[in-house]
Amino acid sequence: MTREQYRASQNNKSNTDTKTLPQTGNNNELGLVGLGLLTLAGMFGLVAKRRSN
């Protein structure tokens, strides 16, 4: 395979590929929201415990 043939095959390959990135990590938003709420609830619980002492 010559350099010109390789470049032509790469150009053809890139023209047929879509220009989007893989969509990874979009399904864990609910878990992060839950973790944030639990963290806030725990912080408020510690504050309330310190004030009562």
PDB file of N, CA and C in Angstrom:
ATOM      1  N   MET A   1       0.852  -1.169   0.000  1.00  0.00           N
ATOM      2  CA  MET A   1       0.000   0.000   0.000  1.00  0.00           C
ATOM      3  C   MET A   1       0.900   1.236   0.000  1.00  0.00           C
ATOM      4  N   THR A   2       0.660   2.110  -0.902  1.00  0.00           N
ATOM      5  CA  THR A   2       1.457   3.324  -0.978  1.00  0.00           C
ATOM      6  C   THR A   2       0.895   4.383  -0.041  1.00  0.00           C
ATOM      7  N   ARG A   3       1.675   5.422   0.163  1.00  0.00           N
ATOM      8  CA  ARG A   3       1.254   6.501   1.052  1.00  0.00           C
ATOM      9  C   ARG A   3      -0.009   7.172   0.523  1.00  0.00           C
ATOM     10  N   GLU A   4      -0.110   7.344  -0.777  1.00  0.00           N
ATOM     11  CA  GLU A   4      -1.296   7.967  -1.366  1.00  0.00           C
ATOM     12  C   GLU A   4      -2.530   7.094  -1.175  1.00  0.00           C
ATOM     13  N   GLN A   5      -2.362   5.791  -1.320  1.00  0.00           N
ATOM     14  CA  GLN A   5      -3.495   4.880  -1.116  1.00  0.00           C
ATOM     15  C   GLN A   5      -3.939   4.906   0.340  1.00  0.00           C
ATOM     16  N   TYR A   6      -2.976   4.944   1.246  1.00  0.00           N
ATOM     17  CA  TYR A   6      -3.311   4.994   2.671  1.00  0.00           C
ATOM     18  C   TYR A   6      -4.071   6.279   3.011  1.00  0.00           C
ATOM     19  N   ARG A   7      -3.581   7.393   2.508  1.00  0.00           N
ATOM     20  CA  ARG A   7      -4.271   8.661   2.771  1.00  0.00           C
ATOM     21  C   ARG A   7      -5.673   8.675   2.177  1.00  0.00           C
ATOM     22  N   ALA A   8      -5.825   8.118   0.984  1.00  0.00           N
ATOM     23  CA  ALA A   8      -7.148   8.058   0.358  1.00  0.00           C
ATOM     24  C   ALA A   8      -8.089   7.186   1.177  1.00  0.00           C
ATOM     25  N   SER A   9      -7.583   6.073   1.699  1.00  0.00           N
ATOM     26  CA  SER A   9      -8.441   5.203   2.510  1.00  0.00           C
ATOM     27  C   SER A   9      -8.812   5.877   3.829  1.00  0.00           C
ATOM     28  N   GLN A  10      -7.884   6.648   4.412  1.00  0.00           N
ATOM     29  CA  GLN A  10      -8.187   7.364   5.639  1.00  0.00           C
ATOM     30  C   GLN A  10      -9.198   8.476   5.396  1.00  0.00           C
ATOM     31  N   ASN A  11      -9.096   9.153   4.270  1.00  0.00           N
ATOM     32  CA  ASN A  11     -10.064  10.199   3.930  1.00  0.00           C
ATOM     33  C   ASN A  11     -11.439   9.603   3.713  1.00  0.00           C
ATOM     34  N   ASN A  12     -11.510   8.474   3.066  1.00  0.00           N
ATOM     35  CA  ASN A  12     -12.798   7.822   2.851  1.00  0.00           C
ATOM     36  C   ASN A  12     -13.383   7.340   4.169  1.00  0.00           C
ATOM     37  N   LYS A  13     -12.542   6.854   5.039  1.00  0.00           N
ATOM     38  CA  LYS A  13     -13.015   6.364   6.331  1.00  0.00           C
ATOM     39  C   LYS A  13     -13.571   7.502   7.167  1.00  0.00           C
ATOM     40  N   SER A  14     -12.885   8.643   7.199  1.00  0.00           N
ATOM     41  CA  SER A  14     -13.339   9.764   8.016  1.00  0.00           C
ATOM     42  C   SER A  14     -14.610  10.391   7.446  1.00  0.00           C
ATOM     43  N   ASN A  15     -14.823  10.294   6.153  1.00  0.00           N
ATOM     44  CA  ASN A  15     -16.041  10.841   5.566  1.00  0.00           C
ATOM     45  C   ASN A  15     -17.260  10.003   5.918  1.00  0.00           C
ATOM     46  N   THR A  16     -17.072   8.709   6.116  1.00  0.00           N
ATOM     47  CA  THR A  16     -18.213   7.847   6.424  1.00  0.00           C
ATOM     48  C   THR A  16     -18.504   7.810   7.909  1.00  0.00           C
ATOM     49  N   ASP A  17     -17.515   8.126   8.757  1.00  0.00           N
ATOM     50  CA  ASP A  17     -17.727   8.137  10.207  1.00  0.00           C
ATOM     51  C   ASP A  17     -18.537   9.355  10.597  1.00  0.00           C
ATOM     52  N   THR A  18     -19.332   9.198  11.641  1.00  0.00           N
ATOM     53  CA  THR A  18     -20.048  10.357  12.165  1.00  0.00           C
ATOM     54  C   THR A  18     -19.103  11.146  13.057  1.00  0.00           C
ATOM     55  N   LYS A  19     -19.346  12.410  13.179  1.00  0.00           N
ATOM     56  CA  LYS A  19     -18.473  13.297  13.928  1.00  0.00           C
ATOM     57  C   LYS A  19     -18.985  13.543  15.342  1.00  0.00           C
ATOM     58  N   THR A  20     -19.593  12.533  15.971  1.00  0.00           N
ATOM     59  CA  THR A  20     -20.080  12.682  17.332  1.00  0.00           C
ATOM     60  C   THR A  20     -19.245  11.827  18.258  1.00  0.00           C
ATOM     61  N   LEU A  21     -19.102  12.293  19.469  1.00  0.00           N
ATOM     62  CA  LEU A  21     -18.387  11.538  20.484  1.00  0.00           C
ATOM     63  C   LEU A  21     -19.327  10.521  21.116  1.00  0.00           C
ATOM     64  N   PRO A  22     -18.803   9.451  21.661  1.00  0.00           N
ATOM     65  CA  PRO A  22     -19.667   8.476  22.328  1.00  0.00           C
ATOM     66  C   PRO A  22     -20.311   9.095  23.565  1.00  0.00           C
ATOM     67  N   GLN A  23     -21.557   8.811  23.774  1.00  0.00           N
ATOM     68  CA  GLN A  23     -22.308   9.373  24.884  1.00  0.00           C
ATOM     69  C   GLN A  23     -22.187   8.452  26.092  1.00  0.00           C
ATOM     70  N   THR A  24     -21.181   8.692  26.896  1.00  0.00           N
ATOM     71  CA  THR A  24     -20.952   7.865  28.077  1.00  0.00           C
ATOM     72  C   THR A  24     -21.167   8.689  29.326  1.00  0.00           C
ATOM     73  N   GLY A  25     -21.634   8.062  30.363  1.00  0.00           N
ATOM     74  CA  GLY A  25     -21.778   8.730  31.647  1.00  0.00           C
ATOM     75  C   GLY A  25     -22.982   9.631  31.766  1.00  0.00           C
ATOM     76  N   ASN A  26     -23.970   9.488  30.908  1.00  0.00           N
ATOM     77  CA  ASN A  26     -25.143  10.347  30.985  1.00  0.00           C
ATOM     78  C   ASN A  26     -26.231   9.788  31.889  1.00  0.00           C
ATOM     79  N   ASN A  27     -26.091   8.551  32.325  1.00  0.00           N
ATOM     80  CA  ASN A  27     -27.162   7.907  33.077  1.00  0.00           C
ATOM     81  C   ASN A  27     -26.944   7.948  34.583  1.00  0.00           C
ATOM     82  N   ASN A  28     -25.903   8.547  35.063  1.00  0.00           N
ATOM     83  CA  ASN A  28     -25.633   8.534  36.493  1.00  0.00           C
ATOM     84  C   ASN A  28     -26.020   9.842  37.189  1.00  0.00           C
ATOM     85  N   GLU A  29     -26.794  10.680  36.547  1.00  0.00           N
ATOM     86  CA  GLU A  29     -27.185  11.952  37.149  1.00  0.00           C
ATOM     87  C   GLU A  29     -28.067  11.750  38.368  1.00  0.00           C
ATOM     88  N   LEU A  30     -28.975  10.786  38.319  1.00  0.00           N
ATOM     89  CA  LEU A  30     -29.871  10.540  39.441  1.00  0.00           C
ATOM     90  C   LEU A  30     -29.077  10.086  40.661  1.00  0.00           C
ATOM     91  N   GLY A  31     -28.069   9.285  40.463  1.00  0.00           N
ATOM     92  CA  GLY A  31     -27.233   8.841  41.571  1.00  0.00           C
ATOM     93  C   GLY A  31     -26.480   9.989  42.204  1.00  0.00           C
ATOM     94  N   LEU A  32     -25.995  10.912  41.381  1.00  0.00           N
ATOM     95  CA  LEU A  32     -25.271  12.068  41.923  1.00  0.00           C
ATOM     96  C   LEU A  32     -26.199  12.994  42.698  1.00  0.00           C
ATOM     97  N   VAL A  33     -27.413  13.160  42.219  1.00  0.00           N
ATOM     98  CA  VAL A  33     -28.382  14.003  42.937  1.00  0.00           C
ATOM     99  C   VAL A  33     -28.710  13.366  44.285  1.00  0.00           C
ATOM    100  N   GLY A  34     -28.919  12.065  44.300  1.00  0.00           N
ATOM    101  CA  GLY A  34     -29.196  11.358  45.549  1.00  0.00           C
ATOM    102  C   GLY A  34     -28.041  11.457  46.528  1.00  0.00           C
ATOM    103  N   LEU A  35     -26.837  11.309  46.020  1.00  0.00           N
ATOM    104  CA  LEU A  35     -25.664  11.419  46.880  1.00  0.00           C
ATOM    105  C   LEU A  35     -25.546  12.822  47.460  1.00  0.00           C
ATOM    106  N   GLY A  36     -25.837  13.830  46.669  1.00  0.00           N
ATOM    107  CA  GLY A  36     -25.799  15.205  47.155  1.00  0.00           C
ATOM    108  C   GLY A  36     -26.834  15.457  48.237  1.00  0.00           C
ATOM    109  N   LEU A  37     -28.038  14.920  48.038  1.00  0.00           N
ATOM    110  CA  LEU A  37     -29.094  15.095  49.046  1.00  0.00           C
ATOM    111  C   LEU A  37     -28.747  14.388  50.348  1.00  0.00           C
ATOM    112  N   LEU A  38     -28.177  13.188  50.244  1.00  0.00           N
ATOM    113  CA  LEU A  38     -27.765  12.479  51.455  1.00  0.00           C
ATOM    114  C   LEU A  38     -26.654  13.217  52.186  1.00  0.00           C
ATOM    115  N   THR A  39     -25.754  13.814  51.447  1.00  0.00           N
ATOM    116  CA  THR A  39     -24.679  14.587  52.059  1.00  0.00           C
ATOM    117  C   THR A  39     -25.242  15.799  52.797  1.00  0.00           C
ATOM    118  N   LEU A  40     -26.166  16.497  52.156  1.00  0.00           N
ATOM    119  CA  LEU A  40     -26.779  17.657  52.818  1.00  0.00           C
ATOM    120  C   LEU A  40     -27.550  17.246  54.061  1.00  0.00           C
ATOM    121  N   ALA A  41     -28.290  16.148  53.977  1.00  0.00           N
ATOM    122  CA  ALA A  41     -29.050  15.678  55.139  1.00  0.00           C
ATOM    123  C   ALA A  41     -28.107  15.303  56.276  1.00  0.00           C
ATOM    124  N   GLY A  42     -26.996  14.660  55.952  1.00  0.00           N
ATOM    125  CA  GLY A  42     -26.026  14.312  56.980  1.00  0.00           C
ATOM    126  C   GLY A  42     -25.397  15.538  57.614  1.00  0.00           C
ATOM    127  N   MET A  43     -25.123  16.553  56.808  1.00  0.00           N
ATOM    128  CA  MET A  43     -24.541  17.780  57.351  1.00  0.00           C
ATOM    129  C   MET A  43     -25.516  18.485  58.280  1.00  0.00           C
ATOM    130  N   PHE A  44     -26.788  18.532  57.909  1.00  0.00           N
ATOM    131  CA  PHE A  44     -27.780  19.162  58.776  1.00  0.00           C
ATOM    132  C   PHE A  44     -27.968  18.365  60.057  1.00  0.00           C
ATOM    133  N   GLY A  45     -27.861  17.057  59.962  1.00  0.00           N
ATOM    134  CA  GLY A  45     -27.962  16.225  61.156  1.00  0.00           C
ATOM    135  C   GLY A  45     -26.813  16.481  62.116  1.00  0.00           C
ATOM    136  N   LEU A  46     -25.602  16.653  61.599  1.00  0.00           N
ATOM    137  CA  LEU A  46     -24.453  16.934  62.459  1.00  0.00           C
ATOM    138  C   LEU A  46     -24.561  18.314  63.100  1.00  0.00           C
ATOM    139  N   VAL A  47     -25.070  19.284  62.343  1.00  0.00           N
ATOM    140  CA  VAL A  47     -25.229  20.635  62.879  1.00  0.00           C
ATOM    141  C   VAL A  47     -26.259  20.626  63.997  1.00  0.00           C
ATOM    142  N   ALA A  48     -27.367  19.924  63.796  1.00  0.00           N
ATOM    143  CA  ALA A  48     -28.403  19.858  64.813  1.00  0.00           C
ATOM    144  C   ALA A  48     -27.890  19.149  66.058  1.00  0.00           C
ATOM    145  N   LYS A  49     -27.073  18.127  65.886  1.00  0.00           N
ATOM    146  CA  LYS A  49     -26.531  17.391  67.035  1.00  0.00           C
ATOM    147  C   LYS A  49     -25.573  18.255  67.823  1.00  0.00           C
ATOM    148  N   ARG A  50     -24.751  19.046  67.140  1.00  0.00           N
ATOM    149  CA  ARG A  50     -23.812  19.923  67.843  1.00  0.00           C
ATOM    150  C   ARG A  50     -24.534  21.032  68.613  1.00  0.00           C
ATOM    151  N   ARG A  51     -25.614  21.525  68.046  1.00  0.00           N
ATOM    152  CA  ARG A  51     -26.342  22.615  68.726  1.00  0.00           C
ATOM    153  C   ARG A  51     -27.056  22.103  69.967  1.00  0.00           C
ATOM    154  N   SER A  52     -27.461  20.824  69.949  1.00  0.00           N
ATOM    155  CA  SER A  52     -28.175  20.303  71.100  1.00  0.00           C
ATOM    156  C   SER A  52     -27.227  19.973  72.253  1.00  0.00           C
ATOM    157  N   ASN A  53     -25.947  19.789  71.959  1.00  0.00           N
ATOM    158  CA  ASN A  53     -24.982  19.467  73.026  1.00  0.00           C
ATOM    159  C   ASN A  53     -24.553  20.671  73.741  1.00  0.00           C
TER     160      ASN A  53
END
